[in-house]
Amino acid sequence: MIDFDELDADLLKIDGFDEAAIGTACIWRSNTREEVLVYDGGEIARILMERDGMEYFEAIEYIEFNIEGAYVGEKTPVIFWRH
């Protein structure tokens, strides 16, 4: 898990999934550099299955619809999938 105290306070987090945060990434939008948090999608799925009792495919669907599908403005976190 990363130390959120050492990061820019303006970075947006995905509530309830601090354990799945793996670092930051830089994204360029309209010639502007933007730092965002990066989360491990598999770890989010594991948390949903253990914490919320979801089955694997239910957790994946939840992530796709409720997390990946949510743009909350600049600094929206990204999900990294290990395939």
N, C-alpha and C. Protein backbone atom coordinates (compact mmCIF):
# COMPACT_ATOMS: atom_id res chain seq x y z
N MET A 1 0.85 -1.18 0.00
CA MET A 1 0.00 0.00 0.00
C MET A 1 0.89 1.24 0.00
N ILE A 2 0.43 2.27 -0.66
CA ILE A 2 1.23 3.49 -0.72
C ILE A 2 0.90 4.39 0.46
N ASP A 3 1.81 5.31 0.75
CA ASP A 3 1.63 6.26 1.85
C ASP A 3 0.92 7.50 1.32
N PHE A 4 -0.35 7.64 1.60
CA PHE A 4 -1.13 8.76 1.08
C PHE A 4 -0.68 10.10 1.67
N ASP A 5 -0.02 10.08 2.81
CA ASP A 5 0.46 11.32 3.43
C ASP A 5 1.56 11.98 2.60
N GLU A 6 2.25 11.19 1.78
CA GLU A 6 3.34 11.72 0.97
C GLU A 6 2.89 12.18 -0.42
N LEU A 7 1.61 12.03 -0.73
CA LEU A 7 1.09 12.38 -2.04
C LEU A 7 0.40 13.73 -2.04
N ASP A 8 0.22 14.27 -3.22
CA ASP A 8 -0.52 15.51 -3.41
C ASP A 8 -1.93 15.35 -2.84
N ALA A 9 -2.33 16.25 -1.99
CA ALA A 9 -3.64 16.17 -1.33
C ALA A 9 -4.79 16.31 -2.33
N ASP A 10 -4.52 16.83 -3.53
CA ASP A 10 -5.56 17.03 -4.54
C ASP A 10 -5.87 15.77 -5.34
N LEU A 11 -5.06 14.72 -5.17
CA LEU A 11 -5.32 13.49 -5.90
C LEU A 11 -6.63 12.87 -5.43
N LEU A 12 -7.43 12.41 -6.37
CA LEU A 12 -8.71 11.78 -6.02
C LEU A 12 -8.48 10.32 -5.71
N LYS A 13 -9.15 9.83 -4.67
CA LYS A 13 -9.05 8.44 -4.25
C LYS A 13 -10.35 7.72 -4.55
N ILE A 14 -10.25 6.40 -4.64
CA ILE A 14 -11.44 5.55 -4.75
C ILE A 14 -11.72 5.10 -3.32
N ASP A 15 -12.76 5.63 -2.73
CA ASP A 15 -13.07 5.36 -1.32
C ASP A 15 -13.21 3.87 -1.04
N GLY A 16 -12.57 3.45 0.04
CA GLY A 16 -12.70 2.07 0.49
C GLY A 16 -11.70 1.11 -0.13
N PHE A 17 -10.79 1.62 -0.96
CA PHE A 17 -9.86 0.73 -1.66
C PHE A 17 -8.40 1.18 -1.53
N ASP A 18 -8.05 1.77 -0.41
CA ASP A 18 -6.67 2.23 -0.20
C ASP A 18 -5.67 1.10 -0.39
N GLU A 19 -6.03 -0.11 0.05
CA GLU A 19 -5.12 -1.27 -0.08
C GLU A 19 -4.78 -1.58 -1.53
N ALA A 20 -5.63 -1.19 -2.46
CA ALA A 20 -5.43 -1.51 -3.87
C ALA A 20 -4.63 -0.44 -4.61
N ALA A 21 -4.32 0.68 -3.96
CA ALA A 21 -3.55 1.74 -4.60
C ALA A 21 -2.10 1.28 -4.75
N ILE A 22 -1.56 1.41 -5.97
CA ILE A 22 -0.20 0.94 -6.22
C ILE A 22 0.77 2.04 -6.60
N GLY A 23 0.28 3.25 -6.81
CA GLY A 23 1.19 4.34 -7.15
C GLY A 23 0.48 5.44 -7.89
N THR A 24 1.27 6.21 -8.63
CA THR A 24 0.71 7.30 -9.43
C THR A 24 1.18 7.16 -10.87
N ALA A 25 0.49 7.86 -11.74
CA ALA A 25 0.86 7.91 -13.16
C ALA A 25 0.68 9.34 -13.64
N CYS A 26 1.38 9.68 -14.70
CA CYS A 26 1.23 11.00 -15.30
C CYS A 26 0.45 10.86 -16.59
N ILE A 27 -0.55 11.69 -16.73
CA ILE A 27 -1.40 11.71 -17.92
C ILE A 27 -1.31 13.10 -18.52
N TRP A 28 -1.20 13.17 -19.85
CA TRP A 28 -1.17 14.46 -20.53
C TRP A 28 -2.53 14.72 -21.16
N ARG A 29 -3.14 15.84 -20.79
CA ARG A 29 -4.41 16.25 -21.38
C ARG A 29 -4.29 17.70 -21.82
N SER A 30 -4.51 17.93 -23.09
CA SER A 30 -4.44 19.29 -23.65
C SER A 30 -3.16 20.00 -23.24
N ASN A 31 -2.03 19.33 -23.44
CA ASN A 31 -0.71 19.88 -23.12
C ASN A 31 -0.52 20.21 -21.65
N THR A 32 -1.28 19.56 -20.79
CA THR A 32 -1.15 19.75 -19.35
C THR A 32 -0.85 18.41 -18.71
N ARG A 33 0.18 18.37 -17.89
CA ARG A 33 0.55 17.14 -17.19
C ARG A 33 -0.31 17.01 -15.94
N GLU A 34 -0.88 15.83 -15.77
CA GLU A 34 -1.77 15.58 -14.64
C GLU A 34 -1.33 14.29 -13.94
N GLU A 35 -1.13 14.34 -12.64
CA GLU A 35 -0.79 13.15 -11.87
C GLU A 35 -2.07 12.55 -11.31
N VAL A 36 -2.21 11.23 -11.43
CA VAL A 36 -3.40 10.53 -10.94
C VAL A 36 -2.97 9.30 -10.15
N LEU A 37 -3.83 8.86 -9.26
CA LEU A 37 -3.59 7.62 -8.53
C LEU A 37 -3.87 6.42 -9.43
N VAL A 38 -3.13 5.35 -9.21
CA VAL A 38 -3.31 4.11 -9.97
C VAL A 38 -3.69 3.01 -8.98
N TYR A 39 -4.72 2.26 -9.34
CA TYR A 39 -5.21 1.16 -8.51
C TYR A 39 -5.08 -0.15 -9.27
N ASP A 40 -4.81 -1.23 -8.55
CA ASP A 40 -4.74 -2.57 -9.11
C ASP A 40 -6.16 -3.14 -9.18
N GLY A 41 -6.66 -3.34 -10.40
CA GLY A 41 -8.02 -3.84 -10.59
C GLY A 41 -8.26 -5.19 -9.93
N GLY A 42 -7.29 -6.08 -10.00
CA GLY A 42 -7.42 -7.40 -9.37
C GLY A 42 -7.53 -7.29 -7.86
N GLU A 43 -6.81 -6.35 -7.29
CA GLU A 43 -6.86 -6.14 -5.84
C GLU A 43 -8.22 -5.55 -5.44
N ILE A 44 -8.76 -4.65 -6.25
CA ILE A 44 -10.09 -4.12 -5.97
C ILE A 44 -11.11 -5.26 -6.00
N ALA A 45 -10.99 -6.14 -7.00
CA ALA A 45 -11.90 -7.29 -7.09
C ALA A 45 -11.79 -8.17 -5.85
N ARG A 46 -10.55 -8.43 -5.40
CA ARG A 46 -10.35 -9.25 -4.21
C ARG A 46 -11.01 -8.62 -2.99
N ILE A 47 -10.87 -7.31 -2.85
CA ILE A 47 -11.49 -6.60 -1.72
C ILE A 47 -13.01 -6.74 -1.79
N LEU A 48 -13.58 -6.55 -2.96
CA LEU A 48 -15.04 -6.67 -3.12
C LEU A 48 -15.52 -8.08 -2.78
N MET A 49 -14.75 -9.09 -3.17
CA MET A 49 -15.15 -10.46 -2.89
C MET A 49 -15.05 -10.77 -1.40
N GLU A 50 -13.96 -10.33 -0.76
CA GLU A 50 -13.77 -10.63 0.67
C GLU A 50 -14.65 -9.75 1.56
N ARG A 51 -14.65 -8.47 1.28
CA ARG A 51 -15.36 -7.52 2.14
C ARG A 51 -16.87 -7.54 1.92
N ASP A 52 -17.26 -7.62 0.64
CA ASP A 52 -18.68 -7.48 0.31
C ASP A 52 -19.33 -8.80 -0.12
N GLY A 53 -18.57 -9.88 -0.11
CA GLY A 53 -19.13 -11.19 -0.44
C GLY A 53 -19.52 -11.38 -1.89
N MET A 54 -18.94 -10.61 -2.80
CA MET A 54 -19.26 -10.74 -4.22
C MET A 54 -18.55 -11.93 -4.83
N GLU A 55 -19.16 -12.49 -5.87
CA GLU A 55 -18.49 -13.49 -6.70
C GLU A 55 -17.55 -12.74 -7.64
N TYR A 56 -16.60 -13.48 -8.25
CA TYR A 56 -15.60 -12.84 -9.10
C TYR A 56 -16.22 -11.98 -10.21
N PHE A 57 -17.09 -12.57 -11.02
CA PHE A 57 -17.66 -11.83 -12.14
C PHE A 57 -18.57 -10.69 -11.69
N GLU A 58 -19.18 -10.83 -10.55
CA GLU A 58 -19.97 -9.75 -9.97
C GLU A 58 -19.06 -8.58 -9.60
N ALA A 59 -17.90 -8.89 -9.01
CA ALA A 59 -16.93 -7.86 -8.64
C ALA A 59 -16.40 -7.15 -9.88
N ILE A 60 -16.09 -7.90 -10.93
CA ILE A 60 -15.60 -7.30 -12.18
C ILE A 60 -16.65 -6.38 -12.78
N GLU A 61 -17.89 -6.83 -12.80
CA GLU A 61 -18.98 -5.99 -13.33
C GLU A 61 -19.13 -4.72 -12.50
N TYR A 62 -19.02 -4.84 -11.18
CA TYR A 62 -19.11 -3.67 -10.30
C TYR A 62 -18.00 -2.68 -10.64
N ILE A 63 -16.78 -3.18 -10.81
CA ILE A 63 -15.64 -2.31 -11.12
C ILE A 63 -15.86 -1.61 -12.46
N GLU A 64 -16.26 -2.38 -13.48
CA GLU A 64 -16.46 -1.80 -14.81
C GLU A 64 -17.52 -0.71 -14.81
N PHE A 65 -18.63 -0.96 -14.14
CA PHE A 65 -19.74 -0.02 -14.18
C PHE A 65 -19.58 1.15 -13.21
N ASN A 66 -19.17 0.85 -11.98
CA ASN A 66 -19.16 1.87 -10.93
C ASN A 66 -17.83 2.59 -10.73
N ILE A 67 -16.74 2.00 -11.17
CA ILE A 67 -15.44 2.64 -10.96
C ILE A 67 -14.84 3.08 -12.29
N GLU A 68 -14.62 2.13 -13.19
CA GLU A 68 -14.05 2.50 -14.50
C GLU A 68 -14.98 3.42 -15.28
N GLY A 69 -16.27 3.24 -15.13
CA GLY A 69 -17.24 4.04 -15.87
C GLY A 69 -17.53 5.40 -15.25
N ALA A 70 -16.87 5.72 -14.16
CA ALA A 70 -17.14 6.98 -13.46
C ALA A 70 -16.01 7.98 -13.71
N TYR A 71 -16.31 9.03 -14.45
CA TYR A 71 -15.36 10.12 -14.61
C TYR A 71 -15.77 11.20 -13.62
N VAL A 72 -14.90 11.51 -12.70
CA VAL A 72 -15.24 12.49 -11.66
C VAL A 72 -14.41 13.76 -11.80
N GLY A 73 -13.97 14.03 -13.01
CA GLY A 73 -13.22 15.25 -13.28
C GLY A 73 -11.73 15.00 -13.36
N GLU A 74 -11.00 16.10 -13.41
CA GLU A 74 -9.55 16.00 -13.45
C GLU A 74 -9.06 15.20 -12.27
N LYS A 75 -8.00 14.49 -12.49
CA LYS A 75 -7.36 13.64 -11.48
C LYS A 75 -8.18 12.39 -11.14
N THR A 76 -9.10 12.00 -12.05
CA THR A 76 -9.82 10.74 -11.87
C THR A 76 -8.80 9.60 -11.86
N PRO A 77 -8.82 8.73 -10.85
CA PRO A 77 -7.87 7.62 -10.77
C PRO A 77 -8.02 6.67 -11.96
N VAL A 78 -6.96 5.91 -12.21
CA VAL A 78 -7.00 4.90 -13.26
C VAL A 78 -6.85 3.51 -12.63
N ILE A 79 -7.37 2.52 -13.36
CA ILE A 79 -7.29 1.12 -12.92
C ILE A 79 -6.28 0.40 -13.80
N PHE A 80 -5.36 -0.30 -13.19
CA PHE A 80 -4.36 -1.09 -13.89
C PHE A 80 -4.75 -2.56 -13.76
N TRP A 81 -4.80 -3.26 -14.89
CA TRP A 81 -5.13 -4.68 -14.90
C TRP A 81 -3.91 -5.48 -15.31
N ARG A 82 -3.55 -6.49 -14.54
CA ARG A 82 -2.46 -7.40 -14.87
C ARG A 82 -3.06 -8.56 -15.64
N HIS A 83 -2.75 -8.63 -16.92
CA HIS A 83 -3.31 -9.71 -17.76
C HIS A 83 -2.27 -10.75 -18.07
